[in-house]
Protein backbone atom coordinates (compact mmCIF):
# COMPACT_ATOMS: atom_id res chain seq x y z
CA MET A 1 -9.23 -0.57 5.24
CA ARG A 2 -11.19 -3.72 4.49
CA PHE A 3 -8.19 -5.97 4.10
CA CYS A 4 -4.43 -5.48 4.55
CA LEU A 5 -2.01 -6.91 2.02
CA LEU A 6 1.08 -6.02 4.29
CA ASP A 7 2.53 -8.01 7.18
CA GLU A 8 4.78 -5.30 8.44
CA ILE A 9 6.58 -2.10 7.60
CA THR A 10 10.29 -2.75 7.83
CA GLU A 11 11.70 0.67 6.67
CA LEU A 12 10.36 4.12 6.85
CA GLU A 13 11.92 7.61 5.99
CA LEU A 14 9.10 10.17 6.35
CA GLY A 15 8.69 12.22 3.19
CA CYS A 16 11.00 9.95 1.16
CA SER A 17 10.58 6.17 1.18
CA ILE A 18 9.01 3.03 2.72
CA THR A 19 9.41 -0.64 2.48
CA GLY A 20 7.03 -3.31 3.68
CA THR A 21 6.60 -7.21 3.43
CA LYS A 22 3.83 -9.57 2.47
CA ARG A 23 4.28 -13.27 2.92
CA LEU A 24 1.85 -15.26 0.73
CA ARG A 25 0.33 -17.72 2.90
CA PRO A 26 -0.94 -21.03 1.30
CA ASP A 27 -4.36 -20.56 2.95
CA GLU A 28 -5.06 -17.29 1.38
CA ASP A 29 -8.72 -17.62 0.03
CA TYR A 30 -8.15 -16.28 -3.40
CA LEU A 31 -5.42 -18.92 -4.18
CA ARG A 32 -8.17 -21.69 -4.52
CA ASP A 33 -9.24 -20.01 -7.65
CA HIS A 34 -6.09 -18.31 -8.89
CA PHE A 35 -5.07 -20.88 -10.07
CA PRO A 36 -6.00 -24.16 -8.51
CA LYS A 37 -2.98 -26.06 -10.09
CA PHE A 38 -0.57 -23.23 -10.03
CA PRO A 39 -1.56 -20.85 -7.22
CA VAL A 40 -0.16 -17.34 -7.53
CA MET A 41 -0.89 -14.02 -6.03
CA PRO A 42 -3.07 -12.06 -8.56
CA GLY A 43 -1.28 -9.23 -10.22
CA VAL A 44 -4.09 -6.70 -9.02
CA LEU A 45 -3.34 -7.79 -5.43
CA MET A 46 0.41 -7.12 -6.02
CA LEU A 47 -0.55 -3.61 -7.16
CA GLU A 48 -2.94 -3.21 -4.26
CA ALA A 49 0.03 -4.01 -1.87
CA MET A 50 2.12 -1.30 -3.63
CA PHE A 51 -0.80 1.19 -3.18
CA GLN A 52 -1.20 0.24 0.52
CA VAL A 53 2.52 0.82 1.31
CA SER A 54 2.45 4.09 -0.51
CA GLY A 55 -0.65 5.14 1.35
CA TRP A 56 1.12 4.51 4.66
CA LEU A 57 4.03 6.55 3.49
CA VAL A 58 1.88 9.64 2.55
CA ARG A 59 -0.36 9.37 5.72
CA ALA A 60 2.66 9.22 8.01
CA THR A 61 4.39 11.98 6.04
CA ASP A 62 1.44 14.33 6.72
CA GLU A 63 1.10 13.04 10.38
CA PHE A 64 -2.28 11.56 9.42
CA GLU A 65 -3.76 15.09 8.78
CA LEU A 66 -5.28 13.82 5.50
CA PRO A 67 -6.39 10.26 6.31
CA PHE A 68 -8.24 9.28 3.27
CA VAL A 69 -5.97 8.11 0.40
CA VAL A 70 -7.19 6.97 -3.00
CA LEU A 71 -5.41 5.69 -6.01
CA GLN A 72 -5.83 8.25 -8.70
CA GLU A 73 -3.60 6.77 -11.32
CA ALA A 74 -1.32 3.70 -11.90
CA ARG A 75 1.26 4.24 -14.73
CA SER A 76 3.67 1.93 -16.46
CA VAL A 77 2.81 -1.16 -14.29
CA LYS A 78 4.93 -4.04 -15.35
CA TYR A 79 4.77 -7.58 -14.00
CA ALA A 80 7.91 -9.66 -14.29
CA THR A 81 7.34 -12.85 -12.20
CA PHE A 82 4.98 -14.63 -9.90
CA LEU A 83 4.63 -14.71 -6.17
CA VAL A 84 3.78 -18.26 -4.96
CA PRO A 85 2.79 -19.53 -1.55
CA ASP A 86 5.50 -19.18 1.21
CA GLN A 87 7.26 -16.50 -0.82
CA VAL A 88 7.63 -12.87 0.56
CA LEU A 89 6.79 -9.88 -1.61
CA VAL A 90 9.02 -6.86 -0.58
CA VAL A 91 7.21 -3.79 -1.56
CA SER A 92 8.79 -0.33 -1.65
CA ALA A 93 7.70 3.15 -2.51
CA GLU A 94 9.58 6.38 -3.08
CA ILE A 95 8.10 9.78 -3.29
CA LEU A 96 8.87 11.66 -6.44
CA LYS A 97 6.60 14.61 -5.87
CA HIS A 98 4.39 15.68 -2.93
CA ASP A 99 2.08 18.62 -3.06
CA SER A 100 -0.87 19.78 -1.02
CA THR A 101 -3.29 16.87 -2.04
CA THR A 102 -1.41 14.66 -4.48
CA THR A 103 1.66 12.35 -4.14
CA LYS A 104 3.49 10.66 -7.08
CA LEU A 105 5.49 7.71 -6.25
CA LYS A 106 7.84 5.18 -7.90
CA VAL A 107 6.93 1.68 -6.55
CA GLN A 108 8.09 -1.87 -6.89
CA GLY A 109 7.62 -5.35 -5.51
CA THR A 110 10.50 -7.86 -5.40
CA VAL A 111 10.46 -11.61 -4.65
CA ASP A 112 13.85 -13.07 -3.65
CA GLU A 113 15.54 -9.77 -4.83
CA VAL A 114 14.04 -10.05 -8.25
CA VAL A 115 11.69 -7.38 -9.42
CA ALA A 116 8.24 -8.98 -9.61
CA VAL A 117 6.20 -5.73 -10.34
CA SER A 118 6.90 -2.04 -10.75
CA GLY A 119 5.29 1.15 -11.73
CA ARG A 120 4.36 4.61 -10.79
CA LEU A 121 1.43 5.69 -8.73
CA VAL A 122 -0.39 8.92 -8.25
CA LEU A 123 -2.26 9.15 -4.97
CA GLU A 124 -4.89 11.67 -3.85
CA ARG A 125 -5.27 12.50 -0.13
CA PHE A 126 -7.98 14.46 1.77
CA LYS A 127 -10.19 14.91 4.78
CA LEU A 128 -13.70 13.65 4.40
CA SER A 129 -14.97 16.88 5.90
CA ASP A 130 -13.50 19.01 3.16
CA ARG A 131 -15.75 17.14 0.70
CA TYR A 132 -18.81 16.38 2.99
CA PRO A 133 -18.92 18.85 5.78
CA ASN A 134 -21.79 16.90 7.34
CA ASP A 135 -19.39 13.97 7.87
CA ARG A 136 -16.92 16.00 9.98
CA SER A 137 -16.95 13.46 12.77
CA VAL A 138 -15.59 10.70 10.47
CA ASP A 139 -12.09 12.31 10.20
CA PRO A 140 -10.93 11.87 13.90
CA TYR A 141 -12.36 8.33 13.92
CA ALA A 142 -10.56 7.45 10.72
CA ARG A 143 -7.41 8.99 11.88
CA ARG A 144 -7.57 7.04 15.16
CA ARG A 145 -8.18 3.72 13.48
CA LEU A 146 -5.45 4.24 10.78
CA LYS A 147 -2.94 5.30 13.47
CA ASP A 148 -3.77 2.07 15.32
CA GLU A 149 -3.23 -0.03 12.31
CA PHE A 150 -0.08 1.83 11.33
CA ALA A 151 1.25 1.04 14.82
CA ARG A 152 0.55 -2.64 14.23
CA LEU A 153 2.49 -2.60 11.00
CA TRP A 154 5.42 -0.29 12.01
CA LYS A 155 6.83 -1.54 15.25
CA ASN A 156 9.75 0.99 15.40
């Protein structure tokens, strides 16, 4: 993953739900432009944080068997408040339906216990070798890197 919008995973119930946190640091690069006199976390990054926490839930639930997770659909996403520097976004996801390659989740992010963003996500997961047999060696590498990152986030 190119960048991580989670500082830690605080709760995890495999096959069911997950909670993680993201503290918005004042030195985050995008805050210089969004917006200079009223810096706030862009809504698309709040959505990305919900996707990332959801991705960890589905990977861990599948024991990282299907390491690649992509956002297939974001439904009914609603933004209700801003996240400003030094505030913490608490992001949670709950599995609604989980089949062999697709997971539907209910997600939300709160700031000071007030809902800041919410929605429903549909994630697709797969092995790269199932789509590109010549890239079979990538799956074990990706699995190992993702497990290392997961261990950094989930210290339980």
